[in-house]
């Protein structure tokens, strides 16, 4: 067991065949990856949708992510200490040179903010922005991959979560690592209330603004909450706000996202892009859920 992406690929397998990967991932909101064994670290408020809480300040979650990163790196009280001295897993050594940062919904925005070095430690400017000349806030560990699962930056272009991540200029966000942006086709739509992933501040804008190398897959027939646990979504959000797929099982969305995420991690953390090429090829009928569009930009 290692805290890095180390797996064996069964002969003739596809990216969507279940297998386990041991990888350390900081996650800012619920994300379901059927293929992945993850260390799940959630911060205080990110499991709540911004449109319900109307809390438009993300500084606490950014700080919490940095604190967790510092804990991972702490040789005396951090992950290595827990594995060896508390769990008694002798001989297990976490490989913290291969880390991925991921988040769903507003947590995806948080993940981008951390990767870009945004927050109070990066700048004293109240209008903190990715193009405001800020210097990245130092982290004790280096992340090697960034994943946003249906990321949402706010209520609209005029009402972003602070600190603002989106600049509305193509390729203006440079996280310094490969990025995978997963989107949903039904996210910008709504049932009664406002959409959970409004157009202009959702996955499409994150991908458009992300500097290469970047990857983009969209679950055409699923909504913003369709990858979450069946009993983990409040009734009002699930039935009165976020449009969802009522015909097919959520398991198809979970498997599709899990396969794409693991393929991306294998490529970025293990230098094995065989599965990622299959995902990007997007042959009809291979993915458990329809992926449309699928794109990537390496330079």
C-alpha atoms as a PDB file:
ATOM      1  CA  UNK A   1       0.000   0.000   0.000  1.00  0.00           C
ATOM      2  CA  UNK A   2       1.290   3.444  -0.998  1.00  0.00           C
ATOM      3  CA  UNK A   3      -0.259   6.866  -1.022  1.00  0.00           C
ATOM      4  CA  UNK A   4       0.263   7.155  -4.747  1.00  0.00           C
ATOM      5  CA  UNK A   5      -1.316   5.863  -7.928  1.00  0.00           C
ATOM      6  CA  UNK A   6      -0.007   2.299  -8.238  1.00  0.00           C
ATOM      7  CA  UNK A   7      -2.172  -0.306  -9.926  1.00  0.00           C
ATOM      8  CA  UNK A   8      -2.011  -3.271 -12.234  1.00  0.00           C
ATOM      9  CA  UNK A   9      -4.124  -3.242 -15.381  1.00  0.00           C
ATOM     10  CA  UNK A  10      -6.045  -6.415 -16.205  1.00  0.00           C
ATOM     11  CA  UNK A  11      -5.531  -7.648 -19.750  1.00  0.00           C
ATOM     12  CA  UNK A  12      -8.074  -6.180 -22.148  1.00  0.00           C
ATOM     13  CA  UNK A  13      -9.487  -3.789 -19.573  1.00  0.00           C
ATOM     14  CA  UNK A  14     -11.076  -0.414 -20.218  1.00  0.00           C
ATOM     15  CA  UNK A  15     -10.872   2.746 -18.086  1.00  0.00           C
ATOM     16  CA  UNK A  16     -14.329   1.922 -16.723  1.00  0.00           C
ATOM     17  CA  UNK A  17     -13.513  -1.533 -15.391  1.00  0.00           C
ATOM     18  CA  UNK A  18     -13.422  -1.295 -11.576  1.00  0.00           C
ATOM     19  CA  UNK A  19      -9.984  -1.471  -9.991  1.00  0.00           C
ATOM     20  CA  UNK A  20      -8.476   0.172  -6.960  1.00  0.00           C
ATOM     21  CA  UNK A  21      -5.925   2.924  -6.883  1.00  0.00           C
ATOM     22  CA  UNK A  22      -4.302   4.181  -3.710  1.00  0.00           C
ATOM     23  CA  UNK A  23      -3.887   7.915  -4.108  1.00  0.00           C
ATOM     24  CA  UNK A  24      -3.943  10.848  -1.739  1.00  0.00           C
ATOM     25  CA  UNK A  25      -6.532  13.365  -2.858  1.00  0.00           C
ATOM     26  CA  UNK A  26      -7.823  16.418  -1.028  1.00  0.00           C
ATOM     27  CA  UNK A  27     -11.484  16.783  -1.839  1.00  0.00           C
ATOM     28  CA  UNK A  28     -13.497  19.897  -1.012  1.00  0.00           C
ATOM     29  CA  UNK A  29     -16.911  18.351  -1.526  1.00  0.00           C
ATOM     30  CA  UNK A  30     -18.418  14.940  -2.127  1.00  0.00           C
ATOM     31  CA  UNK A  31     -16.969  13.127  -5.132  1.00  0.00           C
ATOM     32  CA  UNK A  32     -17.703   9.527  -5.916  1.00  0.00           C
ATOM     33  CA  UNK A  33     -15.039   7.521  -7.739  1.00  0.00           C
ATOM     34  CA  UNK A  34     -15.983   3.868  -7.814  1.00  0.00           C
ATOM     35  CA  UNK A  35     -12.498   2.909  -8.986  1.00  0.00           C
ATOM     36  CA  UNK A  36     -10.467   4.838  -6.451  1.00  0.00           C
ATOM     37  CA  UNK A  37      -9.424   4.299  -2.856  1.00  0.00           C
ATOM     38  CA  UNK A  38      -8.963   7.836  -1.598  1.00  0.00           C
ATOM     39  CA  UNK A  39      -8.060   9.673   1.538  1.00  0.00           C
ATOM     40  CA  UNK A  40     -11.123  11.912   1.746  1.00  0.00           C
ATOM     41  CA  UNK A  41     -10.620  15.220   3.497  1.00  0.00           C
ATOM     42  CA  UNK A  42     -13.604  17.541   3.539  1.00  0.00           C
ATOM     43  CA  UNK A  43     -13.549  21.114   4.758  1.00  0.00           C
ATOM     44  CA  UNK A  44     -16.144  22.890   6.838  1.00  0.00           C
ATOM     45  CA  UNK A  45     -18.709  24.335   4.452  1.00  0.00           C
ATOM     46  CA  UNK A  46     -18.073  22.947   1.009  1.00  0.00           C
ATOM     47  CA  UNK A  47     -20.626  20.177   1.227  1.00  0.00           C
ATOM     48  CA  UNK A  48     -23.241  22.951   1.199  1.00  0.00           C
ATOM     49  CA  UNK A  49     -24.195  24.547  -2.087  1.00  0.00           C
ATOM     50  CA  UNK A  50     -23.300  28.222  -2.339  1.00  0.00           C
ATOM     51  CA  UNK A  51     -26.765  28.963  -3.723  1.00  0.00           C
ATOM     52  CA  UNK A  52     -28.396  27.629  -0.557  1.00  0.00           C
ATOM     53  CA  UNK A  53     -26.108  29.088   2.091  1.00  0.00           C
ATOM     54  CA  UNK A  54     -25.436  32.345   0.188  1.00  0.00           C
ATOM     55  CA  UNK A  55     -22.016  32.282   1.787  1.00  0.00           C
ATOM     56  CA  UNK A  56     -19.936  33.804  -0.982  1.00  0.00           C
ATOM     57  CA  UNK A  57     -16.601  33.746   0.849  1.00  0.00           C
ATOM     58  CA  UNK A  58     -14.318  30.772   0.306  1.00  0.00           C
ATOM     59  CA  UNK A  59     -11.337  31.847   2.406  1.00  0.00           C
ATOM     60  CA  UNK A  60     -12.067  29.405   5.250  1.00  0.00           C
ATOM     61  CA  UNK A  61     -12.115  26.450   2.889  1.00  0.00           C
ATOM     62  CA  UNK A  62      -8.927  27.584   1.170  1.00  0.00           C
ATOM     63  CA  UNK A  63      -7.232  27.885   4.544  1.00  0.00           C
ATOM     64  CA  UNK A  64      -8.548  24.483   5.631  1.00  0.00           C
ATOM     65  CA  UNK A  65      -7.121  22.913   2.485  1.00  0.00           C
ATOM     66  CA  UNK A  66      -3.727  24.444   3.194  1.00  0.00           C
ATOM     67  CA  UNK A  67      -3.862  23.189   6.769  1.00  0.00           C
ATOM     68  CA  UNK A  68      -4.635  19.657   5.607  1.00  0.00           C
ATOM     69  CA  UNK A  69      -1.767  19.868   3.123  1.00  0.00           C
ATOM     70  CA  UNK A  70       0.540  20.935   5.948  1.00  0.00           C
ATOM     71  CA  UNK A  71      -0.709  18.006   8.034  1.00  0.00           C
ATOM     72  CA  UNK A  72       0.101  15.584   5.228  1.00  0.00           C
ATOM     73  CA  UNK A  73       3.659  16.914   5.134  1.00  0.00           C
ATOM     74  CA  UNK A  74       4.178  16.840   8.915  1.00  0.00           C
ATOM     75  CA  UNK A  75       6.537  13.923   9.565  1.00  0.00           C
ATOM     76  CA  UNK A  76       5.896  14.009  13.312  1.00  0.00           C
ATOM     77  CA  UNK A  77       2.096  14.270  13.470  1.00  0.00           C
ATOM     78  CA  UNK A  78       0.939  13.902   9.866  1.00  0.00           C
ATOM     79  CA  UNK A  79      -0.045  11.075   7.548  1.00  0.00           C
ATOM     80  CA  UNK A  80       3.180   9.098   7.960  1.00  0.00           C
ATOM     81  CA  UNK A  81       2.744   9.201  11.747  1.00  0.00           C
ATOM     82  CA  UNK A  82      -0.869   8.011  11.517  1.00  0.00           C
ATOM     83  CA  UNK A  83      -0.013   5.134   9.184  1.00  0.00           C
ATOM     84  CA  UNK A  84       2.939   3.885  11.226  1.00  0.00           C
ATOM     85  CA  UNK A  85       2.006   4.659  14.827  1.00  0.00           C
ATOM     86  CA  UNK A  86      -1.782   4.761  14.967  1.00  0.00           C
ATOM     87  CA  UNK A  87      -2.891   2.343  12.257  1.00  0.00           C
ATOM     88  CA  UNK A  88       0.210   0.204  12.839  1.00  0.00           C
ATOM     89  CA  UNK A  89       0.755  -0.223   9.102  1.00  0.00           C
ATOM     90  CA  UNK A  90       4.463  -0.840   9.366  1.00  0.00           C
ATOM     91  CA  UNK A  91       6.353  -0.631   6.116  1.00  0.00           C
ATOM     92  CA  UNK A  92       3.756   1.647   4.532  1.00  0.00           C
ATOM     93  CA  UNK A  93       5.342   4.832   3.241  1.00  0.00           C
ATOM     94  CA  UNK A  94       3.148   7.549   1.715  1.00  0.00           C
ATOM     95  CA  UNK A  95       4.536   8.885  -1.551  1.00  0.00           C
ATOM     96  CA  UNK A  96       3.668  12.558  -1.198  1.00  0.00           C
ATOM     97  CA  UNK A  97       5.415  13.451  -4.428  1.00  0.00           C
ATOM     98  CA  UNK A  98       2.290  12.366  -6.300  1.00  0.00           C
ATOM     99  CA  UNK A  99      -0.668  14.359  -5.064  1.00  0.00           C
ATOM    100  CA  UNK A 100      -3.888  15.360  -6.768  1.00  0.00           C
ATOM    101  CA  UNK A 101      -6.199  18.170  -5.702  1.00  0.00           C
ATOM    102  CA  UNK A 102      -9.882  17.694  -6.473  1.00  0.00           C
ATOM    103  CA  UNK A 103     -13.275  19.147  -5.697  1.00  0.00           C
ATOM    104  CA  UNK A 104     -16.934  19.010  -6.724  1.00  0.00           C
ATOM    105  CA  UNK A 105     -19.201  22.020  -7.298  1.00  0.00           C
ATOM    106  CA  UNK A 106     -18.039  24.986  -5.234  1.00  0.00           C
ATOM    107  CA  UNK A 107     -15.260  22.712  -4.005  1.00  0.00           C
ATOM    108  CA  UNK A 108     -13.966  22.593  -7.566  1.00  0.00           C
ATOM    109  CA  UNK A 109     -13.654  26.370  -7.436  1.00  0.00           C
ATOM    110  CA  UNK A 110     -11.817  26.009  -4.112  1.00  0.00           C
ATOM    111  CA  UNK A 111      -9.417  23.491  -5.635  1.00  0.00           C
ATOM    112  CA  UNK A 112      -8.613  25.900  -8.466  1.00  0.00           C
ATOM    113  CA  UNK A 113      -8.166  28.756  -5.982  1.00  0.00           C
ATOM    114  CA  UNK A 114      -5.663  26.732  -3.948  1.00  0.00           C
ATOM    115  CA  UNK A 115      -3.800  25.629  -7.075  1.00  0.00           C
ATOM    116  CA  UNK A 116      -3.599  29.250  -8.248  1.00  0.00           C
ATOM    117  CA  UNK A 117      -2.356  30.461  -4.873  1.00  0.00           C
ATOM    118  CA  UNK A 118      -5.385  32.661  -4.215  1.00  0.00           C
ATOM    119  CA  UNK A 119      -6.431  33.692  -0.729  1.00  0.00           C
ATOM    120  CA  UNK A 120      -5.291  36.037   2.046  1.00  0.00           C
ATOM    121  CA  UNK A 121      -1.772  34.614   2.112  1.00  0.00           C
ATOM    122  CA  UNK A 122      -1.360  35.330  -1.580  1.00  0.00           C
ATOM    123  CA  UNK A 123      -2.470  38.958  -1.655  1.00  0.00           C
ATOM    124  CA  UNK A 124      -3.888  41.692   0.545  1.00  0.00           C
ATOM    125  CA  UNK A 125      -5.980  42.995  -2.350  1.00  0.00           C
ATOM    126  CA  UNK A 126      -9.686  42.605  -1.577  1.00  0.00           C
ATOM    127  CA  UNK A 127     -10.413  42.070  -5.262  1.00  0.00           C
ATOM    128  CA  UNK A 128      -8.144  39.059  -5.322  1.00  0.00           C
ATOM    129  CA  UNK A 129      -8.029  37.646  -8.827  1.00  0.00           C
ATOM    130  CA  UNK A 130      -5.926  35.221 -10.780  1.00  0.00           C
ATOM    131  CA  UNK A 131      -4.621  38.084 -12.948  1.00  0.00           C
ATOM    132  CA  UNK A 132      -4.124  40.601 -10.152  1.00  0.00           C
ATOM    133  CA  UNK A 133      -0.378  40.060  -9.950  1.00  0.00           C
ATOM    134  CA  UNK A 134      -0.563  37.862  -6.899  1.00  0.00           C
ATOM    135  CA  UNK A 135       2.239  35.502  -6.012  1.00  0.00           C
ATOM    136  CA  UNK A 136       1.172  31.928  -5.241  1.00  0.00           C
ATOM    137  CA  UNK A 137       0.766  31.173  -1.561  1.00  0.00           C
ATOM    138  CA  UNK A 138       3.427  28.657  -0.575  1.00  0.00           C
ATOM    139  CA  UNK A 139       2.286  25.105   0.134  1.00  0.00           C
ATOM    140  CA  UNK A 140       4.457  22.566   1.952  1.00  0.00           C
ATOM    141  CA  UNK A 141       3.721  19.978  -0.748  1.00  0.00           C
ATOM    142  CA  UNK A 142       3.482  20.176  -4.508  1.00  0.00           C
ATOM    143  CA  UNK A 143       0.343  18.983  -6.256  1.00  0.00           C
ATOM    144  CA  UNK A 144       0.754  17.251  -9.599  1.00  0.00           C
ATOM    145  CA  UNK A 145      -2.827  17.079 -10.877  1.00  0.00           C
ATOM    146  CA  UNK A 146      -5.985  19.190 -10.556  1.00  0.00           C
ATOM    147  CA  UNK A 147      -9.545  17.903 -10.940  1.00  0.00           C
ATOM    148  CA  UNK A 148     -12.770  19.898 -10.969  1.00  0.00           C
ATOM    149  CA  UNK A 149     -15.973  17.835 -10.968  1.00  0.00           C
ATOM    150  CA  UNK A 150     -18.699  20.129 -12.299  1.00  0.00           C
ATOM    151  CA  UNK A 151     -16.970  23.151 -10.698  1.00  0.00           C
ATOM    152  CA  UNK A 152     -19.057  26.238  -9.954  1.00  0.00           C
ATOM    153  CA  UNK A 153     -17.577  29.684  -9.299  1.00  0.00           C
ATOM    154  CA  UNK A 154     -20.706  31.447  -8.052  1.00  0.00           C
ATOM    155  CA  UNK A 155     -24.237  32.532  -8.860  1.00  0.00           C
ATOM    156  CA  UNK A 156     -23.300  34.360 -12.064  1.00  0.00           C
ATOM    157  CA  UNK A 157     -20.443  36.224 -13.737  1.00  0.00           C
ATOM    158  CA  UNK A 158     -21.305  39.217 -11.572  1.00  0.00           C
ATOM    159  CA  UNK A 159     -21.533  37.194  -8.353  1.00  0.00           C
ATOM    160  CA  UNK A 160     -18.478  34.984  -7.957  1.00  0.00           C
ATOM    161  CA  UNK A 161     -17.357  33.364  -4.748  1.00  0.00           C
ATOM    162  CA  UNK A 162     -14.450  35.261  -3.157  1.00  0.00           C
ATOM    163  CA  UNK A 163     -11.615  35.131  -3.966  1.00  0.00           C
ATOM    164  CA  UNK A 164     -12.634  35.288  -7.614  1.00  0.00           C
ATOM    165  CA  UNK A 165     -11.086  32.551  -9.728  1.00  0.00           C
ATOM    166  CA  UNK A 166     -12.564  33.138 -13.175  1.00  0.00           C
ATOM    167  CA  UNK A 167     -11.232  36.002 -15.302  1.00  0.00           C
ATOM    168  CA  UNK A 168     -13.376  35.372 -18.420  1.00  0.00           C
ATOM    169  CA  UNK A 169     -10.301  35.290 -20.623  1.00  0.00           C
ATOM    170  CA  UNK A 170      -9.270  32.075 -22.414  1.00  0.00           C
ATOM    171  CA  UNK A 171      -6.243  30.245 -20.995  1.00  0.00           C
ATOM    172  CA  UNK A 172      -5.787  32.850 -18.260  1.00  0.00           C
ATOM    173  CA  UNK A 173      -5.662  30.360 -15.364  1.00  0.00           C
ATOM    174  CA  UNK A 174      -2.343  28.548 -15.016  1.00  0.00           C
ATOM    175  CA  UNK A 175      -2.416  26.085 -12.100  1.00  0.00           C
ATOM    176  CA  UNK A 176       1.033  24.785 -12.992  1.00  0.00           C
ATOM    177  CA  UNK A 177      -0.195  21.212 -13.447  1.00  0.00           C
ATOM    178  CA  UNK A 178      -2.452  19.199 -15.773  1.00  0.00           C
ATOM    179  CA  UNK A 179      -6.152  19.785 -15.124  1.00  0.00           C
ATOM    180  CA  UNK A 180      -9.227  17.655 -15.734  1.00  0.00           C
ATOM    181  CA  UNK A 181     -12.587  19.424 -15.804  1.00  0.00           C
ATOM    182  CA  UNK A 182     -15.663  17.188 -15.616  1.00  0.00           C
ATOM    183  CA  UNK A 183     -19.007  18.728 -16.515  1.00  0.00           C
ATOM    184  CA  UNK A 184     -22.682  17.759 -16.668  1.00  0.00           C
ATOM    185  CA  UNK A 185     -25.118  18.478 -19.449  1.00  0.00           C
ATOM    186  CA  UNK A 186     -28.044  19.135 -17.103  1.00  0.00           C
ATOM    187  CA  UNK A 187     -26.082  21.250 -14.605  1.00  0.00           C
ATOM    188  CA  UNK A 188     -27.007  24.618 -16.185  1.00  0.00           C
ATOM    189  CA  UNK A 189     -30.700  23.672 -16.215  1.00  0.00           C
ATOM    190  CA  UNK A 190     -33.009  23.981 -13.230  1.00  0.00           C
ATOM    191  CA  UNK A 191     -36.259  22.838 -11.701  1.00  0.00           C
ATOM    192  CA  UNK A 192     -38.103  25.785 -10.199  1.00  0.00           C
ATOM    193  CA  UNK A 193     -35.196  27.494  -8.454  1.00  0.00           C
ATOM    194  CA  UNK A 194     -31.847  28.671  -9.823  1.00  0.00           C
ATOM    195  CA  UNK A 195     -29.595  26.140 -11.586  1.00  0.00           C
ATOM    196  CA  UNK A 196     -26.925  24.460  -9.507  1.00  0.00           C
ATOM    197  CA  UNK A 197     -24.224  24.984 -12.157  1.00  0.00           C
ATOM    198  CA  UNK A 198     -25.134  28.257 -13.919  1.00  0.00           C
ATOM    199  CA  UNK A 199     -23.867  28.888 -17.435  1.00  0.00           C
ATOM    200  CA  UNK A 200     -20.934  31.290 -17.475  1.00  0.00           C
ATOM    201  CA  UNK A 201     -19.490  30.128 -14.155  1.00  0.00           C
ATOM    202  CA  UNK A 202     -19.529  26.360 -14.586  1.00  0.00           C
ATOM    203  CA  UNK A 203     -17.329  23.654 -16.100  1.00  0.00           C
ATOM    204  CA  UNK A 204     -17.305  25.157 -19.603  1.00  0.00           C
ATOM    205  CA  UNK A 205     -15.775  28.426 -18.398  1.00  0.00           C
ATOM    206  CA  UNK A 206     -13.254  26.658 -16.154  1.00  0.00           C
ATOM    207  CA  UNK A 207     -12.040  24.569 -19.083  1.00  0.00           C
ATOM    208  CA  UNK A 208     -11.960  27.536 -21.456  1.00  0.00           C
ATOM    209  CA  UNK A 209      -9.871  29.567 -19.015  1.00  0.00           C
ATOM    210  CA  UNK A 210      -7.538  26.771 -17.899  1.00  0.00           C
ATOM    211  CA  UNK A 211      -4.075  26.788 -19.442  1.00  0.00           C
ATOM    212  CA  UNK A 212      -2.846  23.563 -21.096  1.00  0.00           C
ATOM    213  CA  UNK A 213      -2.425  20.745 -20.515  1.00  0.00           C
ATOM    214  CA  UNK A 214      -6.158  20.492 -19.929  1.00  0.00           C
ATOM    215  CA  UNK A 215      -8.832  17.834 -20.386  1.00  0.00           C
ATOM    216  CA  UNK A 216     -12.619  18.105 -20.542  1.00  0.00           C
ATOM    217  CA  UNK A 217     -15.357  15.474 -20.367  1.00  0.00           C
ATOM    218  CA  UNK A 218     -19.075  16.173 -20.008  1.00  0.00           C
ATOM    219  CA  UNK A 219     -21.737  13.713 -18.878  1.00  0.00           C
ATOM    220  CA  UNK A 220     -24.389  14.816 -21.347  1.00  0.00           C
ATOM    221  CA  UNK A 221     -27.448  13.266 -19.731  1.00  0.00           C
ATOM    222  CA  UNK A 222     -26.694  13.877 -16.046  1.00  0.00           C
ATOM    223  CA  UNK A 223     -27.039  16.722 -13.586  1.00  0.00           C
ATOM    224  CA  UNK A 224     -24.908  18.491 -11.018  1.00  0.00           C
ATOM    225  CA  UNK A 225     -25.731  16.127  -8.134  1.00  0.00           C
ATOM    226  CA  UNK A 226     -26.052  12.865 -10.044  1.00  0.00           C
ATOM    227  CA  UNK A 227     -22.618  11.575  -9.007  1.00  0.00           C
ATOM    228  CA  UNK A 228     -23.331  11.898  -5.268  1.00  0.00           C
ATOM    229  CA  UNK A 229     -24.624   9.264  -2.854  1.00  0.00           C
ATOM    230  CA  UNK A 230     -28.334   8.554  -3.204  1.00  0.00           C
ATOM    231  CA  UNK A 231     -29.057   9.531   0.401  1.00  0.00           C
ATOM    232  CA  UNK A 232     -26.562  12.385   0.604  1.00  0.00           C
ATOM    233  CA  UNK A 233     -28.476  15.108  -1.239  1.00  0.00           C
ATOM    234  CA  UNK A 234     -31.102  17.221   0.576  1.00  0.00           C
ATOM    235  CA  UNK A 235     -34.600  16.778  -0.857  1.00  0.00           C
ATOM    236  CA  UNK A 236     -35.106  20.437  -1.786  1.00  0.00           C
ATOM    237  CA  UNK A 237     -31.848  20.597  -3.756  1.00  0.00           C
ATOM    238  CA  UNK A 238     -32.393  17.261  -5.464  1.00  0.00           C
ATOM    239  CA  UNK A 239     -36.015  17.844  -6.428  1.00  0.00           C
ATOM    240  CA  UNK A 240     -36.572  21.601  -6.576  1.00  0.00           C
ATOM    241  CA  UNK A 241     -33.304  23.067  -7.862  1.00  0.00           C
ATOM    242  CA  UNK A 242     -30.845  20.780  -9.637  1.00  0.00           C
ATOM    243  CA  UNK A 243     -32.150  19.092 -12.767  1.00  0.00           C
ATOM    244  CA  UNK A 244     -31.245  15.424 -12.635  1.00  0.00           C
ATOM    245  CA  UNK A 245     -31.433  12.314 -14.739  1.00  0.00           C
ATOM    246  CA  UNK A 246     -34.609  10.507 -13.703  1.00  0.00           C
ATOM    247  CA  UNK A 247     -34.344   7.692 -16.256  1.00  0.00           C
ATOM    248  CA  UNK A 248     -30.967   6.081 -15.605  1.00  0.00           C
ATOM    249  CA  UNK A 249     -29.188   5.032 -12.437  1.00  0.00           C
ATOM    250  CA  UNK A 250     -26.649   7.346 -10.846  1.00  0.00           C
ATOM    251  CA  UNK A 251     -24.232   4.439 -10.851  1.00  0.00           C
ATOM    252  CA  UNK A 252     -23.604   5.028 -14.559  1.00  0.00           C
ATOM    253  CA  UNK A 253     -22.542   8.610 -13.834  1.00  0.00           C
ATOM    254  CA  UNK A 254     -20.336   7.521 -10.945  1.00  0.00           C
ATOM    255  CA  UNK A 255     -18.608   4.864 -13.026  1.00  0.00           C
ATOM    256  CA  UNK A 256     -18.082   7.213 -15.956  1.00  0.00           C
ATOM    257  CA  UNK A 257     -16.569   9.924 -13.767  1.00  0.00           C
ATOM    258  CA  UNK A 258     -14.531   7.411 -11.793  1.00  0.00           C
ATOM    259  CA  UNK A 259     -13.071   5.903 -14.956  1.00  0.00           C
ATOM    260  CA  UNK A 260     -12.180   9.287 -16.441  1.00  0.00           C
ATOM    261  CA  UNK A 261     -10.627  10.497 -13.179  1.00  0.00           C
ATOM    262  CA  UNK A 262      -8.527   7.372 -12.681  1.00  0.00           C
ATOM    263  CA  UNK A 263      -7.379   7.432 -16.312  1.00  0.00           C
ATOM    264  CA  UNK A 264      -6.314  11.049 -15.830  1.00  0.00           C
ATOM    265  CA  UNK A 265      -4.487  10.228 -12.590  1.00  0.00           C
ATOM    266  CA  UNK A 266      -2.689   7.281 -14.158  1.00  0.00           C
ATOM    267  CA  UNK A 267      -1.491   9.561 -16.952  1.00  0.00           C
ATOM    268  CA  UNK A 268      -0.403  12.435 -14.722  1.00  0.00           C
ATOM    269  CA  UNK A 269       0.929  10.550 -11.703  1.00  0.00           C
ATOM    270  CA  UNK A 270       2.219   7.345 -13.304  1.00  0.00           C
ATOM    271  CA  UNK A 271       3.107   8.471 -16.831  1.00  0.00           C
ATOM    272  CA  UNK A 272       0.739   5.822 -18.197  1.00  0.00           C
ATOM    273  CA  UNK A 273      -1.708   7.410 -20.632  1.00  0.00           C
ATOM    274  CA  UNK A 274      -3.154   4.240 -22.190  1.00  0.00           C
ATOM    275  CA  UNK A 275      -6.523   4.572 -20.430  1.00  0.00           C
ATOM    276  CA  UNK A 276      -6.674   8.332 -20.934  1.00  0.00           C
ATOM    277  CA  UNK A 277      -6.268   7.868 -24.685  1.00  0.00           C
ATOM    278  CA  UNK A 278      -9.270   5.532 -24.633  1.00  0.00           C
ATOM    279  CA  UNK A 279     -11.335   8.118 -22.751  1.00  0.00           C
ATOM    280  CA  UNK A 280     -10.377  10.864 -25.195  1.00  0.00           C
ATOM    281  CA  UNK A 281     -11.089   8.627 -28.186  1.00  0.00           C
ATOM    282  CA  UNK A 282     -14.635   8.325 -26.798  1.00  0.00           C
ATOM    283  CA  UNK A 283     -15.785   5.348 -28.812  1.00  0.00           C
ATOM    284  CA  UNK A 284     -19.605   5.004 -28.770  1.00  0.00           C
ATOM    285  CA  UNK A 285     -20.945   2.655 -26.127  1.00  0.00           C
ATOM    286  CA  UNK A 286     -17.701   2.263 -24.192  1.00  0.00           C
ATOM    287  CA  UNK A 287     -18.350   4.722 -21.352  1.00  0.00           C
ATOM    288  CA  UNK A 288     -21.152   3.803 -18.918  1.00  0.00           C
ATOM    289  CA  UNK A 289     -22.634   7.284 -19.498  1.00  0.00           C
ATOM    290  CA  UNK A 290     -22.541   9.290 -22.724  1.00  0.00           C
ATOM    291  CA  UNK A 291     -19.588  11.695 -22.753  1.00  0.00           C
ATOM    292  CA  UNK A 292     -20.300  14.680 -24.992  1.00  0.00           C
ATOM    293  CA  UNK A 293     -18.277  16.744 -25.550  1.00  0.00           C
ATOM    294  CA  UNK A 294     -14.827  15.334 -24.853  1.00  0.00           C
ATOM    295  CA  UNK A 295     -11.811  17.521 -25.451  1.00  0.00           C
ATOM    296  CA  UNK A 296      -8.213  18.163 -24.555  1.00  0.00           C
ATOM    297  CA  UNK A 297      -5.496  20.689 -25.241  1.00  0.00           C
ATOM    298  CA  UNK A 298      -1.867  19.855 -24.580  1.00  0.00           C
ATOM    299  CA  UNK A 299      -0.154  23.051 -25.720  1.00  0.00           C
END
